[in-house]
Amino acid sequence: MGFSGVKGESVCVAEVRVRVVGVVNNGAFDEGADVKAGDVLFPIESAPFKAALGRAEGQLAQAAVHRYESPVNIYVLSQRNFDAAKAALQSAEAIKRSAQADVQTARLELEYSTANASISGRIGRAEVAEGALVVGRNA
């Protein structure tokens, strides 16, 4: 799908591409209509992306709890116990960082589930229909 923006005598042409895999919902534009930069052109079904975000946020919360599950008695602690506690803490911190990255990825994919106009102009012919499965370039 493409659209062109006219400013003075120059013409810009932009092609809209999706970044995720999903099913196209009903388009929010009419072919040949004028659109502004940022307008929603067509949404991709967002329920799977919302679920993935919820799952990632849950894993992040679980990782944060796991970090504090190992109580350490700072007064009576052998070197072996200290080393084990330190390794457990490092592992928990790594799990938490991974979960944070998963949350960030899920938020991006949810954001990418809406195709927006990158420039203002007149929308051309849609090359994708409602209900079509689209496969994004980053997917």
N, C-alpha and C. Protein backbone atom coordinates (compact mmCIF):
# COMPACT_ATOMS: atom_id res chain seq x y z
N MET A 1 0.86 -1.14 0.00
CA MET A 1 0.00 0.00 0.00
C MET A 1 0.91 1.21 0.00
N GLY A 2 0.57 2.20 -0.76
CA GLY A 2 1.39 3.40 -0.82
C GLY A 2 0.52 4.64 -0.76
N PHE A 3 1.15 5.75 -0.48
CA PHE A 3 0.44 7.01 -0.55
C PHE A 3 1.45 8.09 -0.86
N SER A 4 0.95 9.20 -1.37
CA SER A 4 1.86 10.27 -1.74
C SER A 4 1.44 11.56 -1.07
N GLY A 5 2.43 12.34 -0.71
CA GLY A 5 2.19 13.64 -0.11
C GLY A 5 2.64 14.71 -1.07
N VAL A 6 1.83 15.70 -1.29
CA VAL A 6 2.16 16.76 -2.23
C VAL A 6 2.41 18.03 -1.43
N LYS A 7 3.58 18.63 -1.63
CA LYS A 7 3.92 19.87 -0.96
C LYS A 7 4.52 20.76 -2.03
N GLY A 8 3.82 21.81 -2.39
CA GLY A 8 4.29 22.63 -3.49
C GLY A 8 4.24 21.80 -4.76
N GLU A 9 5.35 21.68 -5.45
CA GLU A 9 5.39 20.90 -6.67
C GLU A 9 6.08 19.56 -6.48
N SER A 10 6.62 19.30 -5.31
CA SER A 10 7.31 18.03 -5.10
C SER A 10 6.32 16.97 -4.65
N VAL A 11 6.62 15.74 -5.02
CA VAL A 11 5.78 14.61 -4.65
C VAL A 11 6.64 13.60 -3.90
N CYS A 12 6.15 13.17 -2.75
CA CYS A 12 6.81 12.12 -1.96
C CYS A 12 5.93 10.88 -2.02
N VAL A 13 6.56 9.75 -2.17
CA VAL A 13 5.81 8.50 -2.16
C VAL A 13 6.35 7.66 -1.02
N ALA A 14 5.45 7.14 -0.20
CA ALA A 14 5.85 6.30 0.93
C ALA A 14 5.11 4.98 0.84
N GLU A 15 5.81 3.92 1.11
CA GLU A 15 5.20 2.60 1.14
C GLU A 15 5.04 2.19 2.59
N VAL A 16 3.87 1.67 2.94
CA VAL A 16 3.59 1.26 4.31
C VAL A 16 3.90 -0.22 4.44
N ARG A 17 4.73 -0.56 5.42
CA ARG A 17 5.08 -1.97 5.67
C ARG A 17 4.82 -2.27 7.14
N VAL A 18 4.40 -3.48 7.39
CA VAL A 18 4.17 -3.91 8.77
C VAL A 18 5.45 -4.49 9.34
N ARG A 19 5.54 -4.52 10.66
CA ARG A 19 6.73 -5.03 11.34
C ARG A 19 6.47 -6.29 12.15
N VAL A 20 5.23 -6.75 12.15
CA VAL A 20 4.87 -7.94 12.92
C VAL A 20 4.06 -8.89 12.04
N VAL A 21 3.84 -10.09 12.54
CA VAL A 21 2.98 -11.05 11.87
C VAL A 21 1.61 -10.96 12.52
N GLY A 22 0.57 -10.80 11.72
CA GLY A 22 -0.76 -10.71 12.28
C GLY A 22 -1.83 -10.63 11.21
N VAL A 23 -3.07 -10.60 11.66
CA VAL A 23 -4.23 -10.53 10.78
C VAL A 23 -4.70 -9.08 10.72
N VAL A 24 -4.92 -8.60 9.50
CA VAL A 24 -5.35 -7.21 9.29
C VAL A 24 -6.81 -7.07 9.69
N ASN A 25 -7.09 -6.05 10.53
CA ASN A 25 -8.46 -5.71 10.88
C ASN A 25 -8.98 -4.71 9.86
N ASN A 26 -10.20 -4.30 10.03
CA ASN A 26 -10.82 -3.34 9.12
C ASN A 26 -9.97 -2.08 9.02
N GLY A 27 -9.70 -1.63 7.80
CA GLY A 27 -8.91 -0.43 7.57
C GLY A 27 -9.59 0.81 8.10
N ALA A 28 -8.79 1.79 8.49
CA ALA A 28 -9.31 3.03 9.05
C ALA A 28 -9.27 4.16 8.03
N PHE A 29 -9.14 3.85 6.74
CA PHE A 29 -9.04 4.88 5.71
C PHE A 29 -9.81 4.46 4.47
N ASP A 30 -10.09 5.43 3.64
CA ASP A 30 -10.70 5.16 2.34
C ASP A 30 -9.66 5.42 1.27
N GLU A 31 -9.56 4.53 0.30
CA GLU A 31 -8.60 4.73 -0.79
C GLU A 31 -8.89 6.05 -1.47
N GLY A 32 -7.84 6.80 -1.74
CA GLY A 32 -7.96 8.11 -2.38
C GLY A 32 -8.19 9.25 -1.40
N ALA A 33 -8.35 8.94 -0.12
CA ALA A 33 -8.60 9.97 0.89
C ALA A 33 -7.29 10.63 1.31
N ASP A 34 -7.41 11.84 1.81
CA ASP A 34 -6.25 12.53 2.36
C ASP A 34 -6.02 12.04 3.79
N VAL A 35 -4.76 11.82 4.12
CA VAL A 35 -4.39 11.41 5.48
C VAL A 35 -3.29 12.33 5.98
N LYS A 36 -3.18 12.41 7.28
CA LYS A 36 -2.11 13.18 7.92
C LYS A 36 -1.09 12.22 8.50
N ALA A 37 0.15 12.66 8.60
CA ALA A 37 1.19 11.83 9.20
C ALA A 37 0.74 11.40 10.59
N GLY A 38 0.86 10.11 10.86
CA GLY A 38 0.45 9.56 12.16
C GLY A 38 -0.94 8.97 12.18
N ASP A 39 -1.76 9.28 11.15
CA ASP A 39 -3.11 8.69 11.10
C ASP A 39 -3.00 7.17 11.02
N VAL A 40 -3.97 6.48 11.64
CA VAL A 40 -4.02 5.03 11.56
C VAL A 40 -4.50 4.64 10.16
N LEU A 41 -3.71 3.81 9.49
CA LEU A 41 -4.11 3.32 8.17
C LEU A 41 -4.85 2.00 8.30
N PHE A 42 -4.25 1.06 9.01
CA PHE A 42 -4.96 -0.18 9.30
C PHE A 42 -4.35 -0.82 10.53
N PRO A 43 -5.22 -1.35 11.38
CA PRO A 43 -4.73 -2.06 12.57
C PRO A 43 -4.55 -3.55 12.28
N ILE A 44 -3.63 -4.14 12.97
CA ILE A 44 -3.45 -5.58 12.95
C ILE A 44 -4.00 -6.10 14.27
N GLU A 45 -4.67 -7.23 14.23
CA GLU A 45 -5.28 -7.78 15.44
C GLU A 45 -4.27 -7.75 16.60
N SER A 46 -4.62 -7.02 17.66
CA SER A 46 -3.66 -6.76 18.73
C SER A 46 -3.76 -7.72 19.92
N ALA A 47 -4.81 -8.54 19.98
CA ALA A 47 -5.00 -9.43 21.14
C ALA A 47 -3.78 -10.30 21.43
N PRO A 48 -3.15 -10.94 20.41
CA PRO A 48 -1.97 -11.76 20.72
C PRO A 48 -0.81 -10.93 21.29
N PHE A 49 -0.69 -9.69 20.85
CA PHE A 49 0.40 -8.85 21.33
C PHE A 49 0.13 -8.36 22.75
N LYS A 50 -1.14 -8.10 23.06
CA LYS A 50 -1.51 -7.73 24.43
C LYS A 50 -1.26 -8.90 25.38
N ALA A 51 -1.59 -10.10 24.92
CA ALA A 51 -1.36 -11.30 25.74
C ALA A 51 0.13 -11.51 25.97
N ALA A 52 0.93 -11.34 24.93
CA ALA A 52 2.39 -11.50 25.06
C ALA A 52 2.96 -10.47 26.04
N LEU A 53 2.45 -9.25 25.98
CA LEU A 53 2.90 -8.22 26.92
C LEU A 53 2.52 -8.61 28.35
N GLY A 54 1.31 -9.06 28.55
CA GLY A 54 0.89 -9.49 29.90
C GLY A 54 1.74 -10.62 30.43
N ARG A 55 2.04 -11.59 29.55
CA ARG A 55 2.88 -12.73 29.94
C ARG A 55 4.28 -12.25 30.31
N ALA A 56 4.84 -11.35 29.51
CA ALA A 56 6.19 -10.83 29.78
C ALA A 56 6.21 -10.02 31.07
N GLU A 57 5.18 -9.24 31.31
CA GLU A 57 5.12 -8.47 32.56
C GLU A 57 5.00 -9.40 33.76
N GLY A 58 4.27 -10.49 33.61
CA GLY A 58 4.16 -11.48 34.69
C GLY A 58 5.50 -12.14 34.97
N GLN A 59 6.24 -12.47 33.91
CA GLN A 59 7.56 -13.07 34.09
C GLN A 59 8.53 -12.09 34.75
N LEU A 60 8.39 -10.81 34.40
CA LEU A 60 9.23 -9.79 35.05
C LEU A 60 8.91 -9.70 36.54
N ALA A 61 7.64 -9.71 36.87
CA ALA A 61 7.24 -9.66 38.29
C ALA A 61 7.75 -10.89 39.03
N GLN A 62 7.66 -12.04 38.38
CA GLN A 62 8.14 -13.28 38.98
C GLN A 62 9.65 -13.22 39.19
N ALA A 63 10.37 -12.67 38.22
CA ALA A 63 11.83 -12.55 38.34
C ALA A 63 12.20 -11.61 39.47
N ALA A 64 11.43 -10.54 39.66
CA ALA A 64 11.71 -9.60 40.74
C ALA A 64 11.49 -10.26 42.10
N VAL A 65 10.45 -11.10 42.22
CA VAL A 65 10.19 -11.82 43.47
C VAL A 65 11.28 -12.86 43.72
N HIS A 66 11.68 -13.57 42.67
CA HIS A 66 12.69 -14.62 42.80
C HIS A 66 14.00 -14.05 43.35
N ARG A 67 14.30 -12.83 43.00
CA ARG A 67 15.55 -12.20 43.45
C ARG A 67 15.61 -12.10 44.97
N TYR A 68 14.46 -11.94 45.61
CA TYR A 68 14.44 -11.74 47.05
C TYR A 68 14.01 -12.97 47.82
N GLU A 69 13.91 -14.11 47.17
CA GLU A 69 13.47 -15.32 47.84
C GLU A 69 14.55 -15.95 48.72
N SER A 70 15.81 -15.68 48.47
CA SER A 70 16.89 -16.32 49.21
C SER A 70 17.34 -15.44 50.37
N PRO A 71 16.78 -15.67 51.56
CA PRO A 71 17.21 -14.87 52.70
C PRO A 71 18.65 -15.24 53.11
N VAL A 72 19.42 -14.26 53.41
CA VAL A 72 20.82 -14.49 53.78
C VAL A 72 21.04 -13.92 55.18
N ASN A 73 21.55 -14.76 56.03
CA ASN A 73 21.90 -14.32 57.38
C ASN A 73 23.29 -13.71 57.31
N ILE A 74 23.35 -12.39 57.40
CA ILE A 74 24.64 -11.72 57.22
C ILE A 74 25.59 -11.92 58.40
N TYR A 75 25.07 -12.44 59.53
CA TYR A 75 25.93 -12.63 60.69
C TYR A 75 26.63 -13.99 60.67
N VAL A 76 25.94 -15.02 60.20
CA VAL A 76 26.51 -16.36 60.19
C VAL A 76 26.40 -16.89 58.75
N LEU A 77 27.49 -16.75 58.01
CA LEU A 77 27.46 -17.12 56.61
C LEU A 77 28.81 -17.69 56.23
N SER A 78 28.81 -18.95 55.85
CA SER A 78 30.05 -19.57 55.41
C SER A 78 30.39 -19.06 54.02
N GLN A 79 31.63 -19.25 53.62
CA GLN A 79 32.07 -18.82 52.29
C GLN A 79 31.26 -19.55 51.22
N ARG A 80 31.02 -20.84 51.43
CA ARG A 80 30.25 -21.61 50.46
C ARG A 80 28.83 -21.08 50.33
N ASN A 81 28.21 -20.77 51.47
CA ASN A 81 26.86 -20.22 51.44
C ASN A 81 26.86 -18.83 50.80
N PHE A 82 27.89 -18.05 51.11
CA PHE A 82 27.99 -16.72 50.51
C PHE A 82 28.12 -16.83 48.99
N ASP A 83 28.98 -17.73 48.53
CA ASP A 83 29.18 -17.91 47.09
C ASP A 83 27.88 -18.38 46.43
N ALA A 84 27.17 -19.28 47.09
CA ALA A 84 25.90 -19.77 46.54
C ALA A 84 24.87 -18.64 46.47
N ALA A 85 24.81 -17.83 47.52
CA ALA A 85 23.87 -16.71 47.54
C ALA A 85 24.22 -15.68 46.48
N LYS A 86 25.51 -15.43 46.31
CA LYS A 86 25.96 -14.47 45.29
C LYS A 86 25.62 -14.98 43.89
N ALA A 87 25.83 -16.27 43.64
CA ALA A 87 25.50 -16.85 42.34
C ALA A 87 24.00 -16.80 42.09
N ALA A 88 23.21 -17.07 43.13
CA ALA A 88 21.76 -17.03 43.00
C ALA A 88 21.29 -15.61 42.69
N LEU A 89 21.90 -14.62 43.34
CA LEU A 89 21.55 -13.23 43.08
C LEU A 89 21.91 -12.84 41.65
N GLN A 90 23.09 -13.22 41.20
CA GLN A 90 23.50 -12.90 39.83
C GLN A 90 22.57 -13.56 38.81
N SER A 91 22.18 -14.79 39.07
CA SER A 91 21.26 -15.50 38.19
C SER A 91 19.90 -14.80 38.17
N ALA A 92 19.42 -14.41 39.33
CA ALA A 92 18.13 -13.72 39.42
C ALA A 92 18.18 -12.38 38.70
N GLU A 93 19.29 -11.68 38.82
CA GLU A 93 19.44 -10.39 38.12
C GLU A 93 19.44 -10.60 36.60
N ALA A 94 20.07 -11.66 36.14
CA ALA A 94 20.09 -11.97 34.71
C ALA A 94 18.69 -12.32 34.22
N ILE A 95 17.96 -13.10 35.01
CA ILE A 95 16.59 -13.45 34.66
C ILE A 95 15.73 -12.19 34.59
N LYS A 96 15.93 -11.29 35.54
CA LYS A 96 15.17 -10.05 35.56
C LYS A 96 15.49 -9.20 34.33
N ARG A 97 16.77 -9.08 33.96
CA ARG A 97 17.13 -8.30 32.76
C ARG A 97 16.51 -8.92 31.51
N SER A 98 16.52 -10.23 31.43
CA SER A 98 15.90 -10.91 30.29
C SER A 98 14.40 -10.65 30.25
N ALA A 99 13.76 -10.70 31.40
CA ALA A 99 12.31 -10.44 31.47
C ALA A 99 12.01 -8.99 31.11
N GLN A 100 12.87 -8.05 31.51
CA GLN A 100 12.69 -6.65 31.14
C GLN A 100 12.78 -6.48 29.62
N ALA A 101 13.72 -7.17 29.01
CA ALA A 101 13.86 -7.12 27.54
C ALA A 101 12.63 -7.72 26.87
N ASP A 102 12.09 -8.80 27.42
CA ASP A 102 10.89 -9.41 26.87
C ASP A 102 9.70 -8.45 26.95
N VAL A 103 9.60 -7.70 28.05
CA VAL A 103 8.53 -6.71 28.19
C VAL A 103 8.70 -5.62 27.14
N GLN A 104 9.92 -5.15 26.97
CA GLN A 104 10.18 -4.10 25.98
C GLN A 104 9.84 -4.59 24.57
N THR A 105 10.22 -5.82 24.24
CA THR A 105 9.91 -6.39 22.93
C THR A 105 8.41 -6.52 22.73
N ALA A 106 7.70 -6.99 23.75
CA ALA A 106 6.25 -7.15 23.66
C ALA A 106 5.56 -5.79 23.49
N ARG A 107 6.05 -4.76 24.17
CA ARG A 107 5.48 -3.41 24.01
C ARG A 107 5.70 -2.90 22.59
N LEU A 108 6.88 -3.13 22.04
CA LEU A 108 7.16 -2.70 20.67
C LEU A 108 6.25 -3.42 19.68
N GLU A 109 6.09 -4.73 19.84
CA GLU A 109 5.24 -5.48 18.93
C GLU A 109 3.79 -5.02 19.02
N LEU A 110 3.34 -4.69 20.22
CA LEU A 110 1.98 -4.16 20.37
C LEU A 110 1.87 -2.81 19.65
N GLU A 111 2.88 -1.98 19.82
CA GLU A 111 2.90 -0.68 19.13
C GLU A 111 2.91 -0.87 17.61
N TYR A 112 3.66 -1.85 17.14
CA TYR A 112 3.77 -2.11 15.70
C TYR A 112 2.51 -2.74 15.13
N SER A 113 1.53 -3.10 15.96
CA SER A 113 0.33 -3.73 15.46
C SER A 113 -0.65 -2.73 14.85
N THR A 114 -0.22 -1.49 14.72
CA THR A 114 -0.99 -0.47 14.03
C THR A 114 -0.10 0.16 12.98
N ALA A 115 -0.55 0.15 11.73
CA ALA A 115 0.21 0.79 10.66
C ALA A 115 -0.27 2.23 10.53
N ASN A 116 0.64 3.17 10.73
CA ASN A 116 0.31 4.59 10.66
C ASN A 116 0.93 5.22 9.43
N ALA A 117 0.32 6.30 8.98
CA ALA A 117 0.86 7.06 7.86
C ALA A 117 2.16 7.73 8.29
N SER A 118 3.19 7.58 7.49
CA SER A 118 4.48 8.20 7.83
C SER A 118 4.56 9.64 7.32
N ILE A 119 3.75 9.96 6.31
CA ILE A 119 3.70 11.33 5.79
C ILE A 119 2.24 11.70 5.55
N SER A 120 2.00 12.99 5.39
CA SER A 120 0.66 13.45 5.03
C SER A 120 0.53 13.38 3.51
N GLY A 121 -0.68 13.08 3.04
CA GLY A 121 -0.88 13.03 1.60
C GLY A 121 -2.16 12.29 1.26
N ARG A 122 -2.21 11.79 0.04
CA ARG A 122 -3.39 11.08 -0.46
C ARG A 122 -3.05 9.59 -0.50
N ILE A 123 -3.91 8.82 0.13
CA ILE A 123 -3.69 7.38 0.21
C ILE A 123 -4.01 6.72 -1.13
N GLY A 124 -3.18 5.78 -1.49
CA GLY A 124 -3.41 5.05 -2.74
C GLY A 124 -4.23 3.80 -2.52
N ARG A 125 -4.06 2.84 -3.40
CA ARG A 125 -4.82 1.60 -3.35
C ARG A 125 -4.22 0.68 -2.29
N ALA A 126 -5.09 0.09 -1.48
CA ALA A 126 -4.65 -0.87 -0.47
C ALA A 126 -4.28 -2.17 -1.16
N GLU A 127 -3.14 -2.71 -0.82
CA GLU A 127 -2.69 -3.97 -1.40
C GLU A 127 -2.89 -5.14 -0.45
N VAL A 128 -3.59 -4.88 0.64
CA VAL A 128 -3.89 -5.92 1.62
C VAL A 128 -5.34 -5.74 2.05
N ALA A 129 -6.04 -6.85 2.20
CA ALA A 129 -7.46 -6.81 2.55
C ALA A 129 -7.67 -7.20 4.00
N GLU A 130 -8.82 -6.80 4.54
CA GLU A 130 -9.18 -7.18 5.90
C GLU A 130 -9.19 -8.69 6.00
N GLY A 131 -8.62 -9.21 7.07
CA GLY A 131 -8.57 -10.65 7.30
C GLY A 131 -7.32 -11.30 6.75
N ALA A 132 -6.52 -10.54 6.00
CA ALA A 132 -5.29 -11.09 5.43
C ALA A 132 -4.23 -11.25 6.51
N LEU A 133 -3.43 -12.29 6.39
CA LEU A 133 -2.29 -12.49 7.28
C LEU A 133 -1.11 -11.75 6.67
N VAL A 134 -0.55 -10.82 7.44
CA VAL A 134 0.62 -10.07 6.97
C VAL A 134 1.84 -10.52 7.75
N VAL A 135 2.97 -10.51 7.09
CA VAL A 135 4.22 -10.90 7.70
C VAL A 135 5.18 -9.73 7.57
N GLY A 136 5.53 -9.15 8.72
CA GLY A 136 6.39 -7.98 8.72
C GLY A 136 7.85 -8.32 8.48
N ARG A 137 8.59 -7.31 8.10
CA ARG A 137 10.01 -7.51 7.78
C ARG A 137 10.86 -7.79 9.02
N ASN A 138 10.43 -7.36 10.20
CA ASN A 138 11.20 -7.61 11.43
C ASN A 138 10.72 -8.87 12.14
N ALA A 139 9.68 -9.48 11.62
CA ALA A 139 9.09 -10.64 12.31
C ALA A 139 9.86 -11.91 12.00
